[in-house]
Protein backbone atom coordinates (compact mmCIF):
# COMPACT_ATOMS: atom_id res chain seq x y z
CA MET A 1 -14.88 -34.93 -10.16
CA PRO A 2 -13.68 -31.47 -8.26
CA ASP A 3 -11.85 -28.91 -9.98
CA GLN A 4 -8.06 -29.52 -9.47
CA TYR A 5 -5.15 -27.11 -9.09
CA ARG A 6 -1.72 -28.24 -10.52
CA THR A 7 1.58 -26.77 -9.77
CA SER A 8 5.35 -27.65 -10.24
CA ASP A 9 6.48 -25.15 -7.84
CA MET A 10 8.07 -26.99 -4.90
CA ALA A 11 8.30 -24.06 -2.70
CA LEU A 12 4.53 -23.52 -3.22
CA VAL A 13 3.87 -27.12 -2.75
CA THR A 14 5.67 -27.01 0.51
CA TYR A 15 3.59 -24.09 1.81
CA LEU A 16 0.35 -25.33 0.88
CA LYS A 17 1.35 -28.72 2.84
CA ILE A 18 2.12 -26.80 5.80
CA LYS A 19 -1.10 -24.85 5.52
CA GLY A 20 -2.95 -28.26 5.59
CA CYS A 21 -3.72 -28.64 1.83
CA PRO A 22 -3.79 -32.28 1.08
CA THR A 23 -2.16 -33.70 -1.96
CA GLY A 24 -1.26 -36.97 -3.61
CA ARG A 25 1.98 -38.08 -4.85
CA PRO A 26 3.32 -35.99 -7.56
CA ALA A 27 2.98 -37.06 -11.22
CA TRP A 28 5.28 -36.73 -14.24
CA SER A 29 4.28 -35.10 -17.36
CA ALA A 30 6.45 -34.14 -20.20
CA GLY A 31 9.48 -34.29 -18.03
CA THR A 32 8.03 -31.93 -15.29
CA CYS A 33 7.02 -32.91 -11.86
CA TYR A 34 3.28 -31.90 -10.85
CA TRP A 35 1.48 -31.97 -7.54
CA THR A 36 -2.29 -31.73 -7.61
CA PHE A 37 -4.63 -30.27 -4.95
CA THR A 38 -8.32 -29.82 -4.84
CA SER A 39 -9.46 -26.34 -5.71
CA SER A 40 -11.15 -24.47 -3.12
CA PRO A 41 -11.58 -20.68 -1.98
CA GLU A 42 -8.91 -21.38 0.64
CA LEU A 43 -6.45 -22.82 -1.74
CA LYS A 44 -7.09 -19.90 -3.88
CA ARG A 45 -6.45 -17.47 -0.99
CA LEU A 46 -3.33 -19.34 0.00
CA VAL A 47 -1.94 -19.40 -3.54
CA GLU A 48 -2.52 -15.73 -3.67
CA LEU A 49 -0.86 -14.94 -0.51
CA PHE A 50 2.31 -16.93 -1.73
CA MET A 51 2.42 -15.24 -5.19
CA ALA A 52 2.25 -11.89 -3.30
CA LYS A 53 5.06 -12.66 -1.14
CA SER A 54 2.79 -12.27 1.98
CA SER A 55 2.81 -15.94 3.22
CA LEU A 56 4.51 -16.75 6.53
CA VAL A 57 5.44 -20.03 7.94
CA GLU A 58 7.82 -21.10 10.68
CA PRO A 59 11.35 -21.69 8.99
CA THR A 60 12.22 -25.03 10.67
CA GLU A 61 8.98 -26.52 9.61
CA TYR A 62 9.41 -25.18 6.30
CA ASN A 63 12.91 -26.67 5.75
CA LYS A 64 11.36 -30.04 6.97
CA VAL A 65 8.39 -30.11 4.74
CA PHE A 66 10.47 -29.07 1.82
CA GLY A 67 12.94 -31.90 2.19
CA GLU A 68 9.78 -34.26 2.33
CA THR A 69 8.67 -32.61 -0.88
CA LYS A 70 11.98 -33.04 -2.56
CA ARG A 71 12.25 -36.60 -1.65
CA GLU A 72 8.88 -37.09 -3.20
CA PHE A 73 10.20 -35.53 -6.43
CA TYR A 74 13.19 -37.94 -6.59
CA ASP A 75 11.31 -40.98 -5.54
CA THR A 76 8.74 -40.57 -8.31
CA ARG A 77 11.22 -39.23 -11.03
CA PRO A 78 11.22 -41.51 -14.11
CA ALA A 79 14.36 -43.73 -14.58
CA LEU A 80 16.89 -42.19 -16.91
CA ALA A 81 16.98 -44.18 -20.50
CA GLU A 82 20.33 -46.25 -20.45
CA ALA A 83 22.84 -44.59 -23.12
């Protein structure tokens, strides 16, 4: 299996999706939501650009994809235990 890059940063996930990095549905672990990407030199370069605050995307597209990412977060959230 290829190396994986996992993150819970929804802003980074949104940026990577816009840049064409495929991801599956998010998965939850210990109360945190994670998205997983296949590691590659291009993914590493994009993550480094994002962390250096040197990444640029079209704002309207970012808002649209962020909304989709947020829906994924809520759609996969485990049900809260009944009190």
